[in-house]
């Protein structure tokens, strides 16, 4: 299906889906940053508990796209151009963006768990992870080293 056709007739749905993907992890981030000592946050903010739940959204997006046959050909020759073309497709972009949100949340829950075990809070690192991803591991690791805490 041509991209322009999807964007013309599905722009409202694409916008809503983007906003849902963008905000779906927000409650977990806010809880880890604002209420790190809450027992429910400590229980739920596990890297192998919450992020896999969000994978259901990604799987639904991919399944619906597969059913509607609107994803580009995944067996195209492997090259930069084919990867760029794949990511330019609106549905592919939403799937990649959803995957990015899930990966950032996984790294964030790892930072949260390590900071709780080390007896410190990491709101700045969690905010960085929420918005720019794994780059937040650098200031977090430096902070652990300055405090003479173990990196493992």
N, C-alpha and C. Protein backbone atom coordinates (compact mmCIF):
# COMPACT_ATOMS: atom_id res chain seq x y z
N UNK A 1 0.86 -1.17 0.00
CA UNK A 1 0.00 0.00 0.00
C UNK A 1 0.90 1.24 0.00
N UNK A 2 0.63 2.21 -0.85
CA UNK A 2 1.47 3.40 -0.91
C UNK A 2 1.42 4.20 0.40
N UNK A 3 2.56 4.76 0.75
CA UNK A 3 2.66 5.52 2.00
C UNK A 3 1.72 6.71 2.00
N UNK A 4 1.62 7.42 0.87
CA UNK A 4 0.76 8.61 0.83
C UNK A 4 -0.69 8.25 1.10
N UNK A 5 -1.11 7.09 0.67
CA UNK A 5 -2.49 6.65 0.89
C UNK A 5 -2.74 6.41 2.38
N UNK A 6 -1.78 5.79 3.03
CA UNK A 6 -1.89 5.55 4.47
C UNK A 6 -1.93 6.88 5.22
N UNK A 7 -1.05 7.81 4.83
CA UNK A 7 -0.98 9.09 5.54
C UNK A 7 -2.22 9.95 5.29
N UNK A 8 -2.79 9.90 4.09
CA UNK A 8 -3.96 10.71 3.79
C UNK A 8 -5.19 10.20 4.55
N UNK A 9 -5.43 8.90 4.46
CA UNK A 9 -6.65 8.35 5.05
C UNK A 9 -6.49 7.89 6.49
N UNK A 10 -5.27 7.74 6.93
CA UNK A 10 -5.07 7.23 8.29
C UNK A 10 -4.30 8.16 9.19
N UNK A 11 -4.18 9.44 8.82
CA UNK A 11 -3.34 10.34 9.61
C UNK A 11 -3.84 10.50 11.04
N UNK A 12 -5.15 10.56 11.22
CA UNK A 12 -5.70 10.67 12.58
C UNK A 12 -5.39 9.45 13.41
N UNK A 13 -5.55 8.27 12.82
CA UNK A 13 -5.23 7.03 13.53
C UNK A 13 -3.74 6.93 13.82
N UNK A 14 -2.92 7.35 12.86
CA UNK A 14 -1.47 7.33 13.08
C UNK A 14 -1.08 8.26 14.22
N UNK A 15 -1.68 9.46 14.25
CA UNK A 15 -1.39 10.41 15.33
C UNK A 15 -1.80 9.85 16.68
N UNK A 16 -2.99 9.28 16.76
CA UNK A 16 -3.47 8.71 18.02
C UNK A 16 -2.58 7.55 18.47
N UNK A 17 -2.19 6.71 17.54
CA UNK A 17 -1.32 5.58 17.88
C UNK A 17 0.02 6.07 18.37
N UNK A 18 0.56 7.10 17.74
CA UNK A 18 1.83 7.67 18.17
C UNK A 18 1.73 8.21 19.60
N UNK A 19 0.66 8.92 19.90
CA UNK A 19 0.47 9.48 21.25
C UNK A 19 0.31 8.37 22.27
N UNK A 20 -0.41 7.31 21.93
CA UNK A 20 -0.57 6.18 22.85
C UNK A 20 0.79 5.54 23.13
N UNK A 21 1.57 5.32 22.08
CA UNK A 21 2.90 4.72 22.25
C UNK A 21 3.79 5.64 23.07
N UNK A 22 3.71 6.95 22.81
CA UNK A 22 4.54 7.92 23.52
C UNK A 22 4.21 7.96 25.00
N UNK A 23 2.94 7.86 25.35
CA UNK A 23 2.53 8.02 26.74
C UNK A 23 2.31 6.70 27.49
N UNK A 24 2.39 5.56 26.82
CA UNK A 24 2.06 4.30 27.48
C UNK A 24 3.01 3.97 28.62
N UNK A 25 4.26 4.38 28.53
CA UNK A 25 5.22 4.07 29.59
C UNK A 25 5.31 5.17 30.64
N UNK A 26 4.64 6.30 30.42
CA UNK A 26 4.75 7.43 31.34
C UNK A 26 4.39 7.10 32.79
N UNK A 27 3.33 6.34 33.08
CA UNK A 27 3.03 6.05 34.49
C UNK A 27 4.18 5.33 35.21
N UNK A 28 4.85 4.43 34.52
CA UNK A 28 5.96 3.72 35.15
C UNK A 28 7.13 4.68 35.41
N UNK A 29 7.43 5.53 34.42
CA UNK A 29 8.51 6.50 34.61
C UNK A 29 8.21 7.45 35.76
N UNK A 30 7.00 8.00 35.80
CA UNK A 30 6.63 8.94 36.86
C UNK A 30 6.71 8.25 38.22
N UNK A 31 6.25 7.02 38.29
CA UNK A 31 6.30 6.29 39.56
C UNK A 31 7.75 6.06 40.01
N UNK A 32 8.63 5.66 39.08
CA UNK A 32 10.03 5.42 39.46
C UNK A 32 10.73 6.69 39.88
N UNK A 33 10.37 7.82 39.26
CA UNK A 33 11.04 9.09 39.57
C UNK A 33 10.44 9.73 40.82
N UNK A 34 9.12 9.78 40.92
CA UNK A 34 8.47 10.51 42.02
C UNK A 34 8.25 9.67 43.27
N UNK A 35 8.04 8.38 43.12
CA UNK A 35 7.73 7.53 44.27
C UNK A 35 8.64 6.30 44.32
N UNK A 36 9.95 6.49 44.37
CA UNK A 36 10.85 5.34 44.27
C UNK A 36 10.78 4.39 45.47
N UNK A 37 10.36 4.87 46.61
CA UNK A 37 10.34 4.02 47.80
C UNK A 37 9.04 3.24 47.97
N UNK A 38 8.04 3.53 47.16
CA UNK A 38 6.75 2.84 47.29
C UNK A 38 6.93 1.35 47.00
N UNK A 39 6.31 0.53 47.82
CA UNK A 39 6.48 -0.92 47.67
C UNK A 39 5.91 -1.43 46.35
N UNK A 40 4.81 -0.84 45.89
CA UNK A 40 4.23 -1.28 44.62
C UNK A 40 5.16 -0.93 43.46
N UNK A 41 5.85 0.20 43.55
CA UNK A 41 6.81 0.59 42.51
C UNK A 41 8.00 -0.36 42.53
N UNK A 42 8.48 -0.67 43.71
CA UNK A 42 9.60 -1.61 43.82
C UNK A 42 9.24 -2.98 43.24
N UNK A 43 7.99 -3.38 43.44
CA UNK A 43 7.55 -4.68 42.91
C UNK A 43 7.38 -4.64 41.39
N UNK A 44 6.74 -3.59 40.87
CA UNK A 44 6.41 -3.53 39.46
C UNK A 44 7.57 -3.10 38.56
N UNK A 45 8.47 -2.29 39.07
CA UNK A 45 9.57 -1.77 38.25
C UNK A 45 10.69 -2.80 38.12
N UNK A 46 10.36 -3.90 37.49
CA UNK A 46 11.32 -4.97 37.24
C UNK A 46 11.56 -5.04 35.73
N UNK A 47 12.81 -5.22 35.30
CA UNK A 47 13.07 -5.22 33.86
C UNK A 47 12.42 -6.37 33.10
N UNK A 48 12.08 -7.45 33.79
CA UNK A 48 11.45 -8.57 33.09
C UNK A 48 9.98 -8.72 33.45
N UNK A 49 9.38 -7.67 34.02
CA UNK A 49 7.97 -7.71 34.37
C UNK A 49 7.18 -6.69 33.55
N UNK A 50 7.49 -5.42 33.68
CA UNK A 50 6.71 -4.38 33.00
C UNK A 50 7.03 -4.26 31.51
N UNK A 51 8.30 -4.19 31.09
CA UNK A 51 8.55 -4.06 29.64
C UNK A 51 7.95 -5.18 28.79
N UNK A 52 7.99 -6.44 29.22
CA UNK A 52 7.32 -7.46 28.40
C UNK A 52 5.81 -7.25 28.28
N UNK A 53 5.20 -6.63 29.27
CA UNK A 53 3.78 -6.32 29.16
C UNK A 53 3.54 -5.34 28.02
N UNK A 54 4.44 -4.38 27.87
CA UNK A 54 4.32 -3.42 26.78
C UNK A 54 4.64 -4.05 25.43
N UNK A 55 5.33 -5.16 25.44
CA UNK A 55 5.61 -5.87 24.19
C UNK A 55 4.32 -6.37 23.55
N UNK A 56 3.28 -6.52 24.35
CA UNK A 56 1.98 -6.92 23.81
C UNK A 56 1.48 -5.86 22.82
N UNK A 57 1.70 -4.58 23.16
CA UNK A 57 1.31 -3.49 22.26
C UNK A 57 2.08 -3.59 20.95
N UNK A 58 3.37 -3.84 21.05
CA UNK A 58 4.20 -3.98 19.86
C UNK A 58 3.74 -5.17 19.01
N UNK A 59 3.47 -6.28 19.67
CA UNK A 59 3.03 -7.47 18.93
C UNK A 59 1.67 -7.24 18.27
N UNK A 60 0.77 -6.53 18.95
CA UNK A 60 -0.53 -6.21 18.34
C UNK A 60 -0.35 -5.32 17.12
N UNK A 61 0.52 -4.33 17.23
CA UNK A 61 0.79 -3.43 16.11
C UNK A 61 1.35 -4.20 14.92
N UNK A 62 2.30 -5.07 15.19
CA UNK A 62 2.89 -5.86 14.11
C UNK A 62 1.88 -6.86 13.52
N UNK A 63 1.07 -7.46 14.38
CA UNK A 63 0.08 -8.43 13.89
C UNK A 63 -0.96 -7.74 13.01
N UNK A 64 -1.48 -6.61 13.48
CA UNK A 64 -2.48 -5.89 12.69
C UNK A 64 -1.87 -5.44 11.36
N UNK A 65 -0.63 -5.02 11.38
CA UNK A 65 0.04 -4.61 10.15
C UNK A 65 0.23 -5.79 9.21
N UNK A 66 0.57 -6.92 9.76
CA UNK A 66 0.74 -8.12 8.95
C UNK A 66 -0.59 -8.56 8.33
N UNK A 67 -1.65 -8.53 9.14
CA UNK A 67 -2.97 -8.91 8.65
C UNK A 67 -3.43 -8.00 7.51
N UNK A 68 -3.15 -6.73 7.65
CA UNK A 68 -3.59 -5.78 6.63
C UNK A 68 -2.61 -5.71 5.46
N UNK A 69 -1.49 -6.41 5.56
CA UNK A 69 -0.46 -6.43 4.51
C UNK A 69 -0.01 -5.03 4.14
N UNK A 70 0.23 -4.18 5.17
CA UNK A 70 0.64 -2.82 4.87
C UNK A 70 2.11 -2.56 5.18
N UNK A 71 2.78 -3.54 5.74
CA UNK A 71 4.23 -3.36 5.97
C UNK A 71 4.98 -3.57 4.66
N UNK A 72 6.10 -2.87 4.51
CA UNK A 72 6.90 -3.11 3.31
C UNK A 72 7.52 -4.50 3.34
N UNK A 73 8.06 -4.91 2.23
CA UNK A 73 8.64 -6.24 2.09
C UNK A 73 9.82 -6.43 3.04
N UNK A 74 9.73 -7.36 3.99
CA UNK A 74 10.84 -7.56 4.92
C UNK A 74 12.00 -8.34 4.29
N UNK A 75 11.78 -8.90 3.11
CA UNK A 75 12.83 -9.69 2.46
C UNK A 75 13.53 -8.91 1.36
N UNK A 76 13.42 -7.60 1.39
CA UNK A 76 14.13 -6.78 0.42
C UNK A 76 15.63 -6.94 0.66
N UNK A 77 16.44 -6.70 -0.36
CA UNK A 77 17.89 -6.81 -0.16
C UNK A 77 18.35 -5.92 0.99
N UNK A 78 19.28 -6.43 1.77
CA UNK A 78 19.75 -5.69 2.94
C UNK A 78 20.72 -4.61 2.48
N UNK A 79 20.31 -3.37 2.71
CA UNK A 79 21.15 -2.23 2.38
C UNK A 79 20.65 -1.04 3.19
N UNK A 80 21.44 0.03 3.16
CA UNK A 80 21.03 1.23 3.87
C UNK A 80 19.73 1.78 3.30
N UNK A 81 19.62 1.80 1.99
CA UNK A 81 18.42 2.34 1.34
C UNK A 81 17.17 1.54 1.71
N UNK A 82 17.28 0.22 1.74
CA UNK A 82 16.11 -0.58 2.08
C UNK A 82 15.73 -0.39 3.56
N UNK A 83 16.72 -0.24 4.42
CA UNK A 83 16.42 0.02 5.84
C UNK A 83 15.78 1.40 6.00
N UNK A 84 16.28 2.38 5.28
CA UNK A 84 15.71 3.73 5.33
C UNK A 84 14.28 3.71 4.81
N UNK A 85 14.06 3.04 3.71
CA UNK A 85 12.71 2.95 3.15
C UNK A 85 11.76 2.24 4.12
N UNK A 86 12.26 1.20 4.75
CA UNK A 86 11.45 0.46 5.73
C UNK A 86 11.05 1.37 6.89
N UNK A 87 12.01 2.14 7.42
CA UNK A 87 11.72 2.99 8.58
C UNK A 87 10.88 4.21 8.21
N UNK A 88 10.85 4.58 6.94
CA UNK A 88 10.01 5.71 6.51
C UNK A 88 8.53 5.34 6.42
N UNK A 89 8.25 4.06 6.35
CA UNK A 89 6.85 3.63 6.30
C UNK A 89 6.20 3.96 7.65
N UNK A 90 5.02 4.58 7.67
CA UNK A 90 4.41 5.01 8.93
C UNK A 90 4.22 3.89 9.95
N UNK A 91 3.79 2.73 9.51
CA UNK A 91 3.55 1.62 10.43
C UNK A 91 4.88 1.08 10.95
N UNK A 92 5.87 0.98 10.07
CA UNK A 92 7.20 0.54 10.50
C UNK A 92 7.77 1.51 11.52
N UNK A 93 7.60 2.80 11.26
CA UNK A 93 8.10 3.81 12.21
C UNK A 93 7.44 3.64 13.56
N UNK A 94 6.12 3.44 13.59
CA UNK A 94 5.42 3.24 14.86
C UNK A 94 5.94 2.00 15.59
N UNK A 95 6.18 0.93 14.86
CA UNK A 95 6.71 -0.29 15.48
C UNK A 95 8.12 -0.05 16.03
N UNK A 96 8.95 0.64 15.28
CA UNK A 96 10.31 0.94 15.75
C UNK A 96 10.28 1.88 16.96
N UNK A 97 9.36 2.86 16.93
CA UNK A 97 9.24 3.79 18.05
C UNK A 97 8.74 3.07 19.30
N UNK A 98 7.80 2.16 19.13
CA UNK A 98 7.30 1.36 20.26
C UNK A 98 8.43 0.52 20.84
N UNK A 99 9.22 -0.07 19.97
CA UNK A 99 10.36 -0.86 20.42
C UNK A 99 11.35 0.01 21.20
N UNK A 100 11.59 1.22 20.73
CA UNK A 100 12.49 2.15 21.43
C UNK A 100 11.96 2.47 22.83
N UNK A 101 10.65 2.71 22.94
CA UNK A 101 10.06 3.01 24.24
C UNK A 101 10.24 1.82 25.21
N UNK A 102 10.06 0.62 24.69
CA UNK A 102 10.20 -0.57 25.52
C UNK A 102 11.66 -0.76 25.95
N UNK A 103 12.59 -0.55 25.05
CA UNK A 103 14.01 -0.68 25.40
C UNK A 103 14.43 0.38 26.41
N UNK A 104 13.98 1.61 26.22
CA UNK A 104 14.29 2.66 27.20
C UNK A 104 13.73 2.32 28.57
N UNK A 105 12.52 1.79 28.61
CA UNK A 105 11.93 1.40 29.89
C UNK A 105 12.70 0.26 30.53
N UNK A 106 13.18 -0.67 29.74
CA UNK A 106 13.98 -1.78 30.28
C UNK A 106 15.26 -1.24 30.92
N UNK A 107 15.94 -0.36 30.22
CA UNK A 107 17.17 0.24 30.77
C UNK A 107 16.83 1.06 32.01
N UNK A 108 15.71 1.79 31.96
CA UNK A 108 15.30 2.59 33.11
C UNK A 108 15.00 1.75 34.34
N UNK A 109 14.33 0.62 34.15
CA UNK A 109 14.05 -0.24 35.31
C UNK A 109 15.34 -0.86 35.85
N UNK A 110 16.30 -1.13 34.97
CA UNK A 110 17.60 -1.61 35.45
C UNK A 110 18.30 -0.55 36.28
N UNK A 111 18.28 0.70 35.82
CA UNK A 111 18.87 1.81 36.59
C UNK A 111 18.15 1.96 37.92
N UNK A 112 16.82 1.91 37.89
CA UNK A 112 16.04 2.03 39.11
C UNK A 112 16.39 0.93 40.11
N UNK A 113 16.42 -0.31 39.66
CA UNK A 113 16.73 -1.42 40.56
C UNK A 113 18.14 -1.30 41.14
N UNK A 114 19.10 -0.95 40.31
CA UNK A 114 20.48 -0.80 40.79
C UNK A 114 20.59 0.36 41.78
N UNK A 115 19.90 1.46 41.52
CA UNK A 115 19.96 2.59 42.45
C UNK A 115 19.31 2.23 43.78
N UNK A 116 18.24 1.47 43.76
CA UNK A 116 17.59 1.06 45.01
C UNK A 116 18.49 0.12 45.80
N UNK A 117 19.16 -0.81 45.11
CA UNK A 117 20.08 -1.72 45.80
C UNK A 117 21.29 -0.97 46.36
N UNK A 118 21.66 0.13 45.72
CA UNK A 118 22.82 0.91 46.17
C UNK A 118 22.44 1.96 47.21
N UNK A 119 21.17 2.05 47.53
CA UNK A 119 20.71 2.98 48.56
C UNK A 119 20.71 4.43 48.12
N UNK A 120 20.45 4.68 46.86
CA UNK A 120 20.40 6.05 46.37
C UNK A 120 19.24 6.21 45.40
N UNK A 121 18.88 7.46 45.15
CA UNK A 121 17.85 7.76 44.16
C UNK A 121 18.54 8.20 42.88
N UNK A 122 17.88 8.01 41.76
CA UNK A 122 18.47 8.38 40.47
C UNK A 122 17.46 9.10 39.58
N UNK A 123 16.84 10.19 40.07
CA UNK A 123 15.81 10.84 39.25
C UNK A 123 16.37 11.47 37.97
N UNK A 124 17.55 12.06 38.04
CA UNK A 124 18.13 12.69 36.85
C UNK A 124 18.45 11.64 35.80
N UNK A 125 19.06 10.55 36.23
CA UNK A 125 19.40 9.48 35.30
C UNK A 125 18.16 8.85 34.69
N UNK A 126 17.10 8.71 35.49
CA UNK A 126 15.86 8.14 34.97
C UNK A 126 15.20 9.08 33.96
N UNK A 127 15.23 10.39 34.24
CA UNK A 127 14.70 11.35 33.27
C UNK A 127 15.50 11.30 31.97
N UNK A 128 16.82 11.24 32.09
CA UNK A 128 17.65 11.14 30.89
C UNK A 128 17.32 9.87 30.11
N UNK A 129 17.16 8.78 30.82
CA UNK A 129 16.84 7.51 30.15
C UNK A 129 15.48 7.56 29.48
N UNK A 130 14.53 8.21 30.11
CA UNK A 130 13.19 8.32 29.55
C UNK A 130 13.22 9.05 28.21
N UNK A 131 14.04 10.11 28.13
CA UNK A 131 14.02 10.94 26.92
C UNK A 131 15.12 10.63 25.91
N UNK A 132 16.29 10.17 26.38
CA UNK A 132 17.36 9.92 25.40
C UNK A 132 17.89 8.50 25.44
N UNK A 133 17.38 7.67 26.31
CA UNK A 133 17.71 6.26 26.27
C UNK A 133 18.96 5.85 27.03
N UNK A 134 19.66 4.91 26.46
CA UNK A 134 20.77 4.25 27.14
C UNK A 134 21.94 5.17 27.44
N UNK A 135 21.96 6.35 26.87
CA UNK A 135 23.02 7.32 27.18
C UNK A 135 23.03 7.62 28.68
N UNK A 136 21.89 7.46 29.34
CA UNK A 136 21.79 7.72 30.78
C UNK A 136 22.64 6.75 31.60
N UNK A 137 23.07 5.67 31.00
CA UNK A 137 23.94 4.74 31.73
C UNK A 137 25.29 5.37 32.05
N UNK A 138 25.75 6.29 31.22
CA UNK A 138 27.05 6.92 31.45
C UNK A 138 27.05 7.74 32.74
N UNK A 139 26.14 8.73 32.92
CA UNK A 139 26.17 9.46 34.19
C UNK A 139 25.84 8.57 35.39
N UNK A 140 25.00 7.55 35.17
CA UNK A 140 24.68 6.66 36.28
C UNK A 140 25.91 5.86 36.70
N UNK A 141 26.65 5.34 35.74
CA UNK A 141 27.88 4.60 36.06
C UNK A 141 28.91 5.51 36.72
N UNK A 142 29.04 6.73 36.23
CA UNK A 142 29.98 7.68 36.86
C UNK A 142 29.57 7.99 38.29
N UNK A 143 28.29 8.15 38.51
CA UNK A 143 27.79 8.41 39.87
C UNK A 143 28.06 7.22 40.79
N UNK A 144 27.88 6.02 40.28
CA UNK A 144 28.19 4.83 41.09
C UNK A 144 29.68 4.78 41.43
N UNK A 145 30.53 5.09 40.46
CA UNK A 145 31.97 5.07 40.69
C UNK A 145 32.39 6.14 41.69
N UNK A 146 31.82 7.33 41.58
CA UNK A 146 32.15 8.42 42.53
C UNK A 146 31.73 8.03 43.94
N UNK A 147 30.61 7.35 44.08
CA UNK A 147 30.14 6.92 45.40
C UNK A 147 30.78 5.61 45.85
N UNK A 148 31.71 5.11 45.04
CA UNK A 148 32.43 3.87 45.33
C UNK A 148 31.47 2.67 45.49
N UNK A 149 30.49 2.62 44.61
CA UNK A 149 29.54 1.50 44.59
C UNK A 149 29.95 0.57 43.46
N UNK A 150 29.53 -0.67 43.55
CA UNK A 150 29.83 -1.66 42.54
C UNK A 150 29.01 -1.40 41.27
N UNK A 151 29.63 -1.62 40.12
CA UNK A 151 28.91 -1.47 38.85
C UNK A 151 28.11 -2.71 38.50
N UNK A 152 28.31 -3.79 39.21
CA UNK A 152 27.58 -5.02 38.90
C UNK A 152 26.45 -5.26 39.86
